[in-house]
Amino acid sequence: MLKKLDILGLELDNYTVREAMLNVEIYLNHNEMNTIETISMSMLEQAGRDEVVHNCLQELDLAVIGEKEILTAAGVNSMQRMKETGENEFFHEFMKRIIRNKKTVYLLGEKKADVEHLYAFLQDEYEKAKIVGQYAMEDCLGDLDAVVNAINVETPDVVFSILPSPYQEHFLVDNRGKLSAKIWYGLGEHYAADEKWRSLFRWLRRLIHRKKLTNRLNEYNNEK
């Protein structure tokens, strides 16, 4: 099975969850921050229009494919990878490692309601997770150094970001060298939707972006 996928000029990781967890264990023992992001179809579209997003995704230490449609578009036919991606197994295994190793987590999002939703989700599903702080960008009245300082004061092991793209990638590029966490994990919009509308939101979004991704891949392949 190919460990790297070429999608719209981006080389993305295609590790099994077990293989990816080996990298996570290394990251948790690094002094420098490593970066992980869950890749959606909408992020791939953003990367085609925004050079900062493109470069950020390309330079991630670990890119986690977040939607089965991306695997399909890249010609991946592994049932194991389809199952892992569809059931979001990487995130669940990641949380198990965080809890087992007694690592701390900080939550970062654009809106307070979204951050509180993620907090409630983690408390319900992973009650032993140690969440040491949270920050919503809409509460930031000064420059972004205030956000970085708020995170660093808590010295978290992991920063969970649910900032939307391209905001998420621009923030990471501008502040990567300032954050003292061991892992930046960009969840993007995957956990930002209100619970009531989450299933419908995902279904509609996938329909829209699957069509856009297919069209863009056809254009990309024709250009090549």
N, C-alpha and C. Protein backbone atom coordinates (compact mmCIF):
# COMPACT_ATOMS: atom_id res chain seq x y z
N MET A 1 0.83 -1.19 0.00
CA MET A 1 0.00 0.00 0.00
C MET A 1 0.87 1.25 0.00
N LEU A 2 0.53 2.20 -0.86
CA LEU A 2 1.29 3.44 -0.93
C LEU A 2 1.18 4.22 0.37
N LYS A 3 2.30 4.72 0.88
CA LYS A 3 2.31 5.49 2.11
C LYS A 3 2.19 6.99 1.86
N LYS A 4 2.32 7.38 0.60
CA LYS A 4 2.16 8.78 0.22
C LYS A 4 1.20 8.86 -0.96
N LEU A 5 0.29 9.83 -0.92
CA LEU A 5 -0.66 10.03 -2.00
C LEU A 5 -0.43 11.39 -2.64
N ASP A 6 -0.40 11.43 -3.96
CA ASP A 6 -0.27 12.69 -4.69
C ASP A 6 -1.67 13.16 -5.07
N ILE A 7 -2.14 14.20 -4.38
CA ILE A 7 -3.47 14.73 -4.61
C ILE A 7 -3.36 16.22 -4.89
N LEU A 8 -3.68 16.61 -6.11
CA LEU A 8 -3.65 18.02 -6.51
C LEU A 8 -2.32 18.68 -6.19
N GLY A 9 -1.24 17.94 -6.40
CA GLY A 9 0.08 18.50 -6.17
C GLY A 9 0.54 18.45 -4.72
N LEU A 10 -0.27 17.87 -3.85
CA LEU A 10 0.10 17.70 -2.44
C LEU A 10 0.48 16.24 -2.19
N GLU A 11 1.55 16.05 -1.46
CA GLU A 11 1.95 14.70 -1.08
C GLU A 11 1.46 14.45 0.34
N LEU A 12 0.40 13.65 0.49
CA LEU A 12 -0.22 13.43 1.79
C LEU A 12 0.06 12.01 2.29
N ASP A 13 0.14 11.89 3.61
CA ASP A 13 0.41 10.59 4.24
C ASP A 13 -0.78 9.64 4.08
N ASN A 14 -0.48 8.37 3.93
CA ASN A 14 -1.51 7.34 3.85
C ASN A 14 -1.14 6.17 4.75
N TYR A 15 -0.83 6.50 6.01
CA TYR A 15 -0.45 5.48 6.97
C TYR A 15 -1.69 4.80 7.57
N THR A 16 -1.54 3.55 7.95
CA THR A 16 -2.58 2.91 8.75
C THR A 16 -2.57 3.59 10.12
N VAL A 17 -3.63 3.41 10.88
CA VAL A 17 -3.69 4.00 12.22
C VAL A 17 -2.55 3.50 13.09
N ARG A 18 -2.25 2.22 12.98
CA ARG A 18 -1.16 1.67 13.78
C ARG A 18 0.17 2.32 13.44
N GLU A 19 0.43 2.52 12.16
CA GLU A 19 1.67 3.17 11.74
C GLU A 19 1.71 4.61 12.20
N ALA A 20 0.59 5.31 12.09
CA ALA A 20 0.53 6.71 12.50
C ALA A 20 0.76 6.86 14.00
N MET A 21 0.27 5.91 14.79
CA MET A 21 0.44 5.99 16.24
C MET A 21 1.90 5.86 16.66
N LEU A 22 2.69 5.16 15.87
CA LEU A 22 4.12 5.08 16.16
C LEU A 22 4.75 6.46 16.06
N ASN A 23 4.30 7.25 15.09
CA ASN A 23 4.80 8.62 14.96
C ASN A 23 4.33 9.48 16.13
N VAL A 24 3.07 9.30 16.53
CA VAL A 24 2.52 10.08 17.64
C VAL A 24 3.34 9.86 18.92
N GLU A 25 3.71 8.62 19.19
CA GLU A 25 4.51 8.33 20.38
C GLU A 25 5.85 9.08 20.34
N ILE A 26 6.42 9.18 19.16
CA ILE A 26 7.67 9.94 19.02
C ILE A 26 7.43 11.42 19.26
N TYR A 27 6.35 11.95 18.68
CA TYR A 27 6.05 13.37 18.83
C TYR A 27 5.86 13.75 20.30
N LEU A 28 5.22 12.87 21.06
CA LEU A 28 4.93 13.17 22.47
C LEU A 28 6.20 13.24 23.31
N ASN A 29 7.31 12.79 22.76
CA ASN A 29 8.58 12.84 23.48
C ASN A 29 9.56 13.83 22.87
N HIS A 30 9.09 14.61 21.88
CA HIS A 30 9.93 15.63 21.26
C HIS A 30 9.93 16.91 22.09
N ASN A 31 11.01 17.65 21.99
CA ASN A 31 11.06 18.97 22.62
C ASN A 31 10.42 20.03 21.72
N GLU A 32 10.52 19.80 20.40
CA GLU A 32 9.91 20.73 19.45
C GLU A 32 8.51 20.26 19.08
N MET A 33 7.65 21.22 18.74
CA MET A 33 6.27 20.89 18.42
C MET A 33 6.16 20.23 17.05
N ASN A 34 5.43 19.12 17.01
CA ASN A 34 5.10 18.47 15.74
C ASN A 34 3.65 18.79 15.37
N THR A 35 3.36 18.72 14.07
CA THR A 35 2.05 19.16 13.59
C THR A 35 1.28 18.03 12.92
N ILE A 36 0.01 17.93 13.29
CA ILE A 36 -0.92 16.96 12.71
C ILE A 36 -2.18 17.71 12.31
N GLU A 37 -2.74 17.39 11.16
CA GLU A 37 -4.03 17.94 10.79
C GLU A 37 -4.86 16.88 10.09
N THR A 38 -6.18 16.93 10.34
CA THR A 38 -7.11 16.07 9.63
C THR A 38 -7.50 16.78 8.33
N ILE A 39 -7.28 16.12 7.21
CA ILE A 39 -7.46 16.74 5.90
C ILE A 39 -8.85 16.43 5.35
N SER A 40 -9.58 17.48 5.01
CA SER A 40 -10.91 17.34 4.41
C SER A 40 -10.85 17.77 2.94
N MET A 41 -11.92 17.48 2.21
CA MET A 41 -11.99 17.90 0.81
C MET A 41 -11.98 19.42 0.68
N SER A 42 -12.65 20.09 1.60
CA SER A 42 -12.69 21.55 1.52
C SER A 42 -11.29 22.14 1.73
N MET A 43 -10.47 21.50 2.57
CA MET A 43 -9.10 21.97 2.78
C MET A 43 -8.26 21.81 1.53
N LEU A 44 -8.49 20.72 0.79
CA LEU A 44 -7.77 20.52 -0.47
C LEU A 44 -8.13 21.61 -1.47
N GLU A 45 -9.40 22.01 -1.47
CA GLU A 45 -9.82 23.11 -2.34
C GLU A 45 -9.15 24.41 -1.92
N GLN A 46 -9.10 24.66 -0.61
CA GLN A 46 -8.43 25.86 -0.11
C GLN A 46 -6.96 25.88 -0.53
N ALA A 47 -6.32 24.72 -0.47
CA ALA A 47 -4.91 24.63 -0.83
C ALA A 47 -4.67 24.99 -2.29
N GLY A 48 -5.66 24.73 -3.13
CA GLY A 48 -5.53 25.07 -4.55
C GLY A 48 -5.62 26.57 -4.80
N ARG A 49 -6.20 27.30 -3.84
CA ARG A 49 -6.36 28.75 -4.01
C ARG A 49 -5.43 29.58 -3.13
N ASP A 50 -4.90 28.95 -2.09
CA ASP A 50 -4.14 29.70 -1.07
C ASP A 50 -2.78 29.04 -0.90
N GLU A 51 -1.74 29.74 -1.27
CA GLU A 51 -0.39 29.18 -1.22
C GLU A 51 0.04 28.86 0.21
N VAL A 52 -0.40 29.68 1.18
CA VAL A 52 -0.05 29.43 2.58
C VAL A 52 -0.63 28.10 3.04
N VAL A 53 -1.89 27.86 2.69
CA VAL A 53 -2.53 26.60 3.06
C VAL A 53 -1.83 25.43 2.39
N HIS A 54 -1.54 25.58 1.11
CA HIS A 54 -0.85 24.52 0.36
C HIS A 54 0.46 24.15 1.03
N ASN A 55 1.28 25.16 1.32
CA ASN A 55 2.59 24.90 1.91
C ASN A 55 2.47 24.33 3.33
N CYS A 56 1.48 24.81 4.07
CA CYS A 56 1.27 24.33 5.43
C CYS A 56 0.92 22.85 5.43
N LEU A 57 -0.03 22.46 4.57
CA LEU A 57 -0.43 21.06 4.50
C LEU A 57 0.72 20.18 4.03
N GLN A 58 1.52 20.70 3.11
CA GLN A 58 2.64 19.92 2.60
C GLN A 58 3.71 19.69 3.67
N GLU A 59 3.83 20.64 4.59
CA GLU A 59 4.88 20.57 5.60
C GLU A 59 4.43 19.96 6.92
N LEU A 60 3.19 19.48 7.00
CA LEU A 60 2.73 18.82 8.22
C LEU A 60 3.59 17.60 8.53
N ASP A 61 3.81 17.36 9.81
CA ASP A 61 4.54 16.15 10.19
C ASP A 61 3.69 14.90 9.96
N LEU A 62 2.37 15.07 10.09
CA LEU A 62 1.47 13.95 9.84
C LEU A 62 0.14 14.49 9.31
N ALA A 63 -0.21 14.10 8.09
CA ALA A 63 -1.49 14.48 7.49
C ALA A 63 -2.43 13.28 7.60
N VAL A 64 -3.57 13.47 8.25
CA VAL A 64 -4.54 12.40 8.45
C VAL A 64 -5.71 12.60 7.49
N ILE A 65 -5.91 11.67 6.57
CA ILE A 65 -7.02 11.77 5.64
C ILE A 65 -8.32 11.65 6.43
N GLY A 66 -9.19 12.65 6.30
CA GLY A 66 -10.40 12.69 7.11
C GLY A 66 -11.66 12.23 6.43
N GLU A 67 -11.62 12.03 5.10
CA GLU A 67 -12.83 11.65 4.39
C GLU A 67 -12.51 10.58 3.35
N LYS A 68 -13.36 9.56 3.30
CA LYS A 68 -13.14 8.44 2.40
C LYS A 68 -13.10 8.87 0.94
N GLU A 69 -13.84 9.94 0.61
CA GLU A 69 -13.88 10.41 -0.77
C GLU A 69 -12.49 10.80 -1.28
N ILE A 70 -11.63 11.27 -0.38
CA ILE A 70 -10.26 11.63 -0.77
C ILE A 70 -9.49 10.38 -1.17
N LEU A 71 -9.65 9.33 -0.40
CA LEU A 71 -8.99 8.06 -0.72
C LEU A 71 -9.47 7.53 -2.07
N THR A 72 -10.78 7.61 -2.27
CA THR A 72 -11.35 7.15 -3.54
C THR A 72 -10.79 7.93 -4.71
N ALA A 73 -10.73 9.25 -4.54
CA ALA A 73 -10.22 10.12 -5.61
C ALA A 73 -8.76 9.82 -5.91
N ALA A 74 -8.02 9.37 -4.89
CA ALA A 74 -6.59 9.08 -5.08
C ALA A 74 -6.36 7.65 -5.55
N GLY A 75 -7.45 6.89 -5.74
CA GLY A 75 -7.31 5.52 -6.23
C GLY A 75 -6.97 4.49 -5.19
N VAL A 76 -7.19 4.83 -3.91
CA VAL A 76 -6.91 3.88 -2.83
C VAL A 76 -8.10 2.93 -2.68
N ASN A 77 -7.85 1.63 -2.73
CA ASN A 77 -8.95 0.67 -2.63
C ASN A 77 -8.79 -0.27 -1.44
N SER A 78 -7.99 0.14 -0.46
CA SER A 78 -7.78 -0.66 0.74
C SER A 78 -9.00 -0.57 1.64
N MET A 79 -9.61 -1.70 1.95
CA MET A 79 -10.77 -1.72 2.83
C MET A 79 -10.40 -1.27 4.24
N GLN A 80 -9.17 -1.63 4.65
CA GLN A 80 -8.72 -1.23 5.98
C GLN A 80 -8.67 0.29 6.10
N ARG A 81 -8.08 0.96 5.09
CA ARG A 81 -7.96 2.41 5.15
C ARG A 81 -9.33 3.08 5.03
N MET A 82 -10.22 2.50 4.24
CA MET A 82 -11.57 3.06 4.14
C MET A 82 -12.29 2.98 5.48
N LYS A 83 -12.16 1.85 6.14
CA LYS A 83 -12.82 1.66 7.44
C LYS A 83 -12.23 2.60 8.48
N GLU A 84 -10.90 2.68 8.54
CA GLU A 84 -10.25 3.55 9.52
C GLU A 84 -10.65 5.01 9.33
N THR A 85 -10.72 5.42 8.07
CA THR A 85 -11.06 6.81 7.78
C THR A 85 -12.53 7.08 8.07
N GLY A 86 -13.40 6.20 7.61
CA GLY A 86 -14.83 6.40 7.80
C GLY A 86 -15.24 6.42 9.26
N GLU A 87 -14.55 5.65 10.10
CA GLU A 87 -14.88 5.56 11.52
C GLU A 87 -13.98 6.45 12.38
N ASN A 88 -13.15 7.26 11.73
CA ASN A 88 -12.29 8.22 12.44
C ASN A 88 -11.45 7.53 13.52
N GLU A 89 -10.88 6.40 13.16
CA GLU A 89 -10.16 5.60 14.15
C GLU A 89 -8.88 6.27 14.64
N PHE A 90 -8.26 7.09 13.80
CA PHE A 90 -7.03 7.75 14.24
C PHE A 90 -7.30 8.62 15.46
N PHE A 91 -8.36 9.42 15.41
CA PHE A 91 -8.67 10.32 16.52
C PHE A 91 -8.92 9.53 17.81
N HIS A 92 -9.69 8.45 17.70
CA HIS A 92 -10.01 7.66 18.88
C HIS A 92 -8.74 7.03 19.47
N GLU A 93 -7.86 6.54 18.63
CA GLU A 93 -6.60 5.97 19.12
C GLU A 93 -5.71 7.06 19.70
N PHE A 94 -5.73 8.23 19.08
CA PHE A 94 -4.95 9.36 19.58
C PHE A 94 -5.40 9.71 21.00
N MET A 95 -6.70 9.79 21.21
CA MET A 95 -7.22 10.14 22.53
C MET A 95 -6.85 9.07 23.56
N LYS A 96 -6.88 7.82 23.17
CA LYS A 96 -6.50 6.75 24.08
C LYS A 96 -5.04 6.90 24.51
N ARG A 97 -4.17 7.29 23.55
CA ARG A 97 -2.75 7.48 23.87
C ARG A 97 -2.57 8.68 24.81
N ILE A 98 -3.31 9.74 24.54
CA ILE A 98 -3.21 10.94 25.38
C ILE A 98 -3.60 10.62 26.82
N ILE A 99 -4.69 9.91 26.98
CA ILE A 99 -5.17 9.55 28.31
C ILE A 99 -4.21 8.59 29.00
N ARG A 100 -3.76 7.58 28.26
CA ARG A 100 -2.87 6.57 28.83
C ARG A 100 -1.55 7.21 29.30
N ASN A 101 -1.05 8.16 28.54
CA ASN A 101 0.22 8.82 28.87
C ASN A 101 0.04 10.05 29.75
N LYS A 102 -1.21 10.30 30.19
CA LYS A 102 -1.53 11.41 31.10
C LYS A 102 -1.05 12.75 30.55
N LYS A 103 -1.33 12.96 29.25
CA LYS A 103 -0.96 14.22 28.59
C LYS A 103 -2.12 15.22 28.69
N THR A 104 -1.76 16.49 28.66
CA THR A 104 -2.77 17.56 28.80
C THR A 104 -3.15 18.14 27.45
N VAL A 105 -4.36 18.69 27.39
CA VAL A 105 -4.93 19.18 26.13
C VAL A 105 -5.45 20.60 26.30
N TYR A 106 -5.25 21.42 25.28
CA TYR A 106 -5.78 22.78 25.23
C TYR A 106 -6.64 22.91 23.98
N LEU A 107 -7.80 23.57 24.10
CA LEU A 107 -8.74 23.68 23.00
C LEU A 107 -8.72 25.10 22.42
N LEU A 108 -8.63 25.18 21.09
CA LEU A 108 -8.58 26.47 20.40
C LEU A 108 -9.59 26.47 19.26
N GLY A 109 -10.44 27.50 19.22
CA GLY A 109 -11.42 27.59 18.14
C GLY A 109 -11.74 29.04 17.81
N GLU A 110 -12.54 29.21 16.79
CA GLU A 110 -12.90 30.57 16.37
C GLU A 110 -14.03 31.14 17.24
N LYS A 111 -15.05 30.32 17.51
CA LYS A 111 -16.20 30.78 18.27
C LYS A 111 -16.31 30.04 19.60
N LYS A 112 -16.76 30.76 20.60
CA LYS A 112 -16.88 30.20 21.94
C LYS A 112 -17.80 28.99 21.96
N ALA A 113 -18.92 29.07 21.21
CA ALA A 113 -19.87 27.97 21.18
C ALA A 113 -19.23 26.70 20.63
N ASP A 114 -18.38 26.84 19.62
CA ASP A 114 -17.71 25.68 19.03
C ASP A 114 -16.73 25.04 20.02
N VAL A 115 -15.98 25.90 20.73
CA VAL A 115 -15.01 25.39 21.70
C VAL A 115 -15.73 24.67 22.84
N GLU A 116 -16.84 25.25 23.29
CA GLU A 116 -17.61 24.61 24.36
C GLU A 116 -18.21 23.29 23.89
N HIS A 117 -18.60 23.23 22.62
CA HIS A 117 -19.13 21.99 22.06
C HIS A 117 -18.06 20.90 22.05
N LEU A 118 -16.84 21.26 21.64
CA LEU A 118 -15.74 20.30 21.64
C LEU A 118 -15.43 19.84 23.05
N TYR A 119 -15.43 20.78 23.99
CA TYR A 119 -15.17 20.44 25.40
C TYR A 119 -16.19 19.43 25.91
N ALA A 120 -17.46 19.69 25.62
CA ALA A 120 -18.53 18.79 26.06
C ALA A 120 -18.39 17.41 25.41
N PHE A 121 -18.04 17.41 24.13
CA PHE A 121 -17.85 16.15 23.40
C PHE A 121 -16.74 15.32 24.04
N LEU A 122 -15.62 15.96 24.33
CA LEU A 122 -14.49 15.24 24.92
C LEU A 122 -14.82 14.75 26.32
N GLN A 123 -15.55 15.56 27.08
CA GLN A 123 -15.94 15.15 28.42
C GLN A 123 -16.88 13.95 28.40
N ASP A 124 -17.76 13.92 27.41
CA ASP A 124 -18.71 12.81 27.29
C ASP A 124 -18.05 11.53 26.81
N GLU A 125 -17.21 11.65 25.80
CA GLU A 125 -16.62 10.48 25.17
C GLU A 125 -15.30 10.03 25.80
N TYR A 126 -14.55 10.98 26.35
CA TYR A 126 -13.24 10.67 26.92
C TYR A 126 -13.11 11.38 28.27
N GLU A 127 -13.87 10.92 29.23
CA GLU A 127 -14.00 11.64 30.50
C GLU A 127 -12.69 11.76 31.28
N LYS A 128 -11.73 10.90 30.98
CA LYS A 128 -10.45 10.96 31.68
C LYS A 128 -9.45 11.91 31.02
N ALA A 129 -9.85 12.50 29.89
CA ALA A 129 -8.95 13.46 29.21
C ALA A 129 -8.75 14.68 30.09
N LYS A 130 -7.50 15.12 30.20
CA LYS A 130 -7.18 16.27 31.05
C LYS A 130 -7.10 17.53 30.20
N ILE A 131 -8.17 18.31 30.22
CA ILE A 131 -8.24 19.56 29.44
C ILE A 131 -7.86 20.72 30.36
N VAL A 132 -6.77 21.40 30.03
CA VAL A 132 -6.22 22.42 30.94
C VAL A 132 -6.61 23.84 30.56
N GLY A 133 -7.26 24.02 29.40
CA GLY A 133 -7.66 25.37 29.01
C GLY A 133 -8.35 25.39 27.66
N GLN A 134 -8.98 26.53 27.37
CA GLN A 134 -9.65 26.70 26.09
C GLN A 134 -9.68 28.18 25.73
N TYR A 135 -9.72 28.45 24.43
CA TYR A 135 -9.70 29.85 23.96
C TYR A 135 -10.50 29.96 22.67
N ALA A 136 -11.34 30.99 22.61
CA ALA A 136 -12.10 31.30 21.41
C ALA A 136 -11.57 32.59 20.81
N MET A 137 -11.23 32.58 19.55
CA MET A 137 -10.64 33.74 18.89
C MET A 137 -11.56 34.97 18.94
N GLU A 138 -12.87 34.75 18.99
CA GLU A 138 -13.78 35.88 19.04
C GLU A 138 -13.64 36.68 20.33
N ASP A 139 -12.98 36.11 21.33
CA ASP A 139 -12.74 36.81 22.60
C ASP A 139 -11.42 37.57 22.60
N CYS A 140 -10.64 37.42 21.55
CA CYS A 140 -9.33 38.09 21.48
C CYS A 140 -9.51 39.55 21.08
N LEU A 141 -9.14 40.45 21.97
CA LEU A 141 -9.30 41.89 21.73
C LEU A 141 -8.01 42.54 21.24
N GLY A 142 -6.89 41.87 21.42
CA GLY A 142 -5.61 42.41 20.99
C GLY A 142 -5.03 41.64 19.83
N ASP A 143 -3.69 41.53 19.79
CA ASP A 143 -3.06 40.77 18.72
C ASP A 143 -3.01 39.29 19.10
N LEU A 144 -2.55 38.47 18.17
CA LEU A 144 -2.57 37.02 18.38
C LEU A 144 -1.53 36.54 19.39
N ASP A 145 -0.62 37.40 19.77
CA ASP A 145 0.34 37.02 20.82
C ASP A 145 -0.40 36.73 22.12
N ALA A 146 -1.53 37.40 22.32
CA ALA A 146 -2.32 37.15 23.53
C ALA A 146 -2.85 35.72 23.54
N VAL A 147 -3.21 35.21 22.36
CA VAL A 147 -3.69 33.84 22.23
C VAL A 147 -2.55 32.86 22.52
N VAL A 148 -1.41 33.11 21.91
CA VAL A 148 -0.24 32.25 22.11
C VAL A 148 0.16 32.23 23.58
N ASN A 149 0.15 33.39 24.22
CA ASN A 149 0.53 33.47 25.63
C ASN A 149 -0.45 32.69 26.50
N ALA A 150 -1.74 32.79 26.18
CA ALA A 150 -2.75 32.08 26.96
C ALA A 150 -2.54 30.57 26.87
N ILE A 151 -2.16 30.10 25.70
CA ILE A 151 -1.88 28.67 25.53
C ILE A 151 -0.63 28.27 26.27
N ASN A 152 0.43 29.05 26.11
CA ASN A 152 1.73 28.69 26.70
C ASN A 152 1.71 28.72 28.22
N VAL A 153 0.89 29.57 28.81
CA VAL A 153 0.79 29.63 30.27
C VAL A 153 0.37 28.28 30.85
N GLU A 154 -0.47 27.56 30.10
CA GLU A 154 -0.96 26.26 30.57
C GLU A 154 -0.02 25.12 30.22
N THR A 155 1.00 25.39 29.42
CA THR A 155 1.98 24.39 28.97
C THR A 155 1.34 23.06 28.60
N PRO A 156 0.39 23.06 27.66
CA PRO A 156 -0.27 21.81 27.29
C PRO A 156 0.65 20.92 26.45
N ASP A 157 0.37 19.63 26.49
CA ASP A 157 1.10 18.71 25.62
C ASP A 157 0.54 18.77 24.19
N VAL A 158 -0.79 18.94 24.09
CA VAL A 158 -1.46 18.95 22.80
C VAL A 158 -2.39 20.14 22.68
N VAL A 159 -2.34 20.82 21.54
CA VAL A 159 -3.32 21.86 21.21
C VAL A 159 -4.27 21.29 20.17
N PHE A 160 -5.56 21.21 20.52
CA PHE A 160 -6.59 20.83 19.57
C PHE A 160 -7.14 22.10 18.94
N SER A 161 -7.03 22.22 17.62
CA SER A 161 -7.56 23.38 16.92
C SER A 161 -8.79 23.00 16.11
N ILE A 162 -9.87 23.77 16.28
CA ILE A 162 -11.03 23.64 15.40
C ILE A 162 -11.25 24.96 14.66
N LEU A 163 -10.16 25.67 14.44
CA LEU A 163 -10.23 26.87 13.59
C LEU A 163 -10.55 26.42 12.16
N PRO A 164 -11.38 27.15 11.46
CA PRO A 164 -11.68 26.77 10.06
C PRO A 164 -10.52 27.11 9.14
N SER A 165 -10.38 26.34 8.09
CA SER A 165 -9.40 26.68 7.05
C SER A 165 -9.98 27.81 6.20
N PRO A 166 -9.15 28.75 5.74
CA PRO A 166 -7.69 28.78 5.84
C PRO A 166 -7.14 29.44 7.11
N TYR A 167 -8.04 29.92 7.99
CA TYR A 167 -7.61 30.59 9.22
C TYR A 167 -6.68 29.69 10.03
N GLN A 168 -7.02 28.41 10.13
CA GLN A 168 -6.23 27.48 10.91
C GLN A 168 -4.79 27.40 10.42
N GLU A 169 -4.62 27.26 9.12
CA GLU A 169 -3.27 27.11 8.57
C GLU A 169 -2.48 28.41 8.65
N HIS A 170 -3.14 29.53 8.45
CA HIS A 170 -2.44 30.83 8.57
C HIS A 170 -1.97 31.04 10.02
N PHE A 171 -2.82 30.69 10.98
CA PHE A 171 -2.43 30.83 12.38
C PHE A 171 -1.25 29.93 12.70
N LEU A 172 -1.28 28.70 12.22
CA LEU A 172 -0.20 27.76 12.49
C LEU A 172 1.11 28.24 11.89
N VAL A 173 1.08 28.68 10.64
CA VAL A 173 2.31 29.15 9.99
C VAL A 173 2.90 30.35 10.73
N ASP A 174 2.04 31.27 11.17
CA ASP A 174 2.50 32.49 11.83
C ASP A 174 3.00 32.25 13.25
N ASN A 175 2.52 31.18 13.90
CA ASN A 175 2.79 31.04 15.33
C ASN A 175 3.44 29.71 15.72
N ARG A 176 3.77 28.89 14.75
CA ARG A 176 4.33 27.58 15.06
C ARG A 176 5.56 27.68 15.96
N GLY A 177 6.43 28.61 15.68
CA GLY A 177 7.66 28.74 16.46
C GLY A 177 7.46 29.32 17.84
N LYS A 178 6.26 29.82 18.13
CA LYS A 178 5.98 30.44 19.43
C LYS A 178 5.29 29.51 20.41
N LEU A 179 4.63 28.48 19.90
CA LEU A 179 3.86 27.58 20.75
C LEU A 179 4.77 26.55 21.43
N SER A 180 4.52 26.31 22.70
CA SER A 180 5.39 25.42 23.46
C SER A 180 4.83 24.01 23.62
N ALA A 181 3.73 23.70 22.95
CA ALA A 181 3.13 22.36 23.03
C ALA A 181 3.99 21.34 22.29
N LYS A 182 3.72 20.07 22.56
CA LYS A 182 4.43 19.00 21.86
C LYS A 182 3.76 18.66 20.52
N ILE A 183 2.42 18.78 20.48
CA ILE A 183 1.68 18.45 19.26
C ILE A 183 0.60 19.50 18.99
N TRP A 184 0.54 19.96 17.77
CA TRP A 184 -0.59 20.74 17.26
C TRP A 184 -1.44 19.77 16.44
N TYR A 185 -2.70 19.65 16.81
CA TYR A 185 -3.60 18.73 16.10
C TYR A 185 -4.77 19.55 15.57
N GLY A 186 -4.75 19.83 14.29
CA GLY A 186 -5.81 20.60 13.65
C GLY A 186 -6.97 19.70 13.25
N LEU A 187 -8.08 19.83 13.94
CA LEU A 187 -9.27 19.05 13.62
C LEU A 187 -10.14 19.74 12.59
N GLY A 188 -9.88 21.05 12.37
CA GLY A 188 -10.68 21.79 11.40
C GLY A 188 -12.15 21.79 11.75
N GLU A 189 -13.00 21.69 10.72
CA GLU A 189 -14.44 21.79 10.94
C GLU A 189 -15.07 20.49 11.39
N HIS A 190 -14.30 19.44 11.56
CA HIS A 190 -14.86 18.12 11.86
C HIS A 190 -15.64 18.07 13.17
N TYR A 191 -15.26 18.94 14.15
CA TYR A 191 -15.96 18.91 15.43
C TYR A 191 -16.58 20.25 15.77
N ALA A 192 -16.68 21.13 14.77
CA ALA A 192 -17.16 22.48 15.06
C ALA A 192 -18.66 22.64 14.90
N ALA A 193 -19.32 21.74 14.20
CA ALA A 193 -20.74 21.90 13.93
C ALA A 193 -21.59 21.60 15.16
N ASP A 194 -22.70 22.29 15.29
CA ASP A 194 -23.64 22.03 16.37
C ASP A 194 -24.14 20.59 16.27
N GLU A 195 -24.31 19.92 17.42
CA GLU A 195 -24.66 18.50 17.44
C GLU A 195 -25.94 18.21 16.67
N LYS A 196 -26.92 19.09 16.78
CA LYS A 196 -28.21 18.86 16.14
C LYS A 196 -28.09 18.73 14.64
N TRP A 197 -27.18 19.52 14.07
CA TRP A 197 -27.06 19.58 12.61
C TRP A 197 -25.84 18.84 12.09
N ARG A 198 -25.10 18.20 12.96
CA ARG A 198 -23.81 17.63 12.56
C ARG A 198 -23.93 16.63 11.40
N SER A 199 -24.82 15.65 11.53
CA SER A 199 -24.95 14.62 10.49
C SER A 199 -25.39 15.21 9.15
N LEU A 200 -26.39 16.07 9.19
CA LEU A 200 -26.87 16.70 7.96
C LEU A 200 -25.80 17.58 7.35
N PHE A 201 -25.11 18.33 8.20
CA PHE A 201 -24.05 19.22 7.75
C PHE A 201 -22.96 18.44 7.01
N ARG A 202 -22.53 17.35 7.61
CA ARG A 202 -21.47 16.55 7.00
C ARG A 202 -21.92 15.95 5.68
N TRP A 203 -23.14 15.45 5.65
CA TRP A 203 -23.66 14.82 4.43
C TRP A 203 -23.71 15.82 3.29
N LEU A 204 -24.26 17.01 3.54
CA LEU A 204 -24.35 18.03 2.50
C LEU A 204 -22.96 18.51 2.08
N ARG A 205 -22.10 18.70 3.06
CA ARG A 205 -20.76 19.20 2.74
C ARG A 205 -20.01 18.20 1.87
N ARG A 206 -20.15 16.91 2.16
CA ARG A 206 -19.45 15.90 1.38
C ARG A 206 -19.96 15.84 -0.05
N LEU A 207 -21.28 15.98 -0.22
CA LEU A 207 -21.83 15.98 -1.56
C LEU A 207 -21.25 17.12 -2.39
N ILE A 208 -21.22 18.30 -1.78
CA ILE A 208 -20.74 19.49 -2.47
C ILE A 208 -19.26 19.37 -2.81
N HIS A 209 -18.46 19.02 -1.80
CA HIS A 209 -17.02 19.00 -2.00
C HIS A 209 -16.54 17.79 -2.80
N ARG A 210 -17.29 16.70 -2.75
CA ARG A 210 -16.93 15.55 -3.58
C ARG A 210 -16.98 15.92 -5.05
N LYS A 211 -18.03 16.65 -5.44
CA LYS A 211 -18.17 17.10 -6.83
C LYS A 211 -17.05 18.06 -7.19
N LYS A 212 -16.75 19.01 -6.30
CA LYS A 212 -15.70 19.99 -6.56
C LYS A 212 -14.33 19.30 -6.65
N LEU A 213 -14.09 18.35 -5.76
CA LEU A 213 -12.80 17.66 -5.76
C LEU A 213 -12.63 16.84 -7.03
N THR A 214 -13.70 16.17 -7.44
CA THR A 214 -13.64 15.38 -8.68
C THR A 214 -13.31 16.26 -9.87
N ASN A 215 -13.99 17.41 -9.96
CA ASN A 215 -13.73 18.35 -11.07
C ASN A 215 -12.30 18.86 -11.03
N ARG A 216 -11.83 19.20 -9.83
CA ARG A 216 -10.48 19.74 -9.71
C ARG A 216 -9.43 18.68 -10.04
N LEU A 217 -9.66 17.43 -9.63
CA LEU A 217 -8.73 16.35 -9.95
C LEU A 217 -8.66 16.11 -11.46
N ASN A 218 -9.82 16.17 -12.11
CA ASN A 218 -9.84 16.00 -13.56
C ASN A 218 -9.04 17.10 -14.24
N GLU A 219 -9.21 18.34 -13.77
CA GLU A 219 -8.47 19.46 -14.33
C GLU A 219 -6.97 19.28 -14.09
N TYR A 220 -6.63 18.87 -12.88
CA TYR A 220 -5.22 18.69 -12.50
C TYR A 220 -4.56 17.60 -13.36
N ASN A 221 -5.26 16.48 -13.52
CA ASN A 221 -4.71 15.37 -14.31
C ASN A 221 -4.57 15.76 -15.79
N ASN A 222 -5.53 16.54 -16.31
CA ASN A 222 -5.44 17.00 -17.70
C ASN A 222 -4.25 17.94 -17.88
N GLU A 223 -4.02 18.80 -16.87
CA GLU A 223 -2.90 19.74 -16.94
C GLU A 223 -1.57 18.99 -16.92
N LYS A 224 -1.52 17.91 -16.09
CA LYS A 224 -0.28 17.11 -16.03
C LYS A 224 -0.02 16.40 -17.36
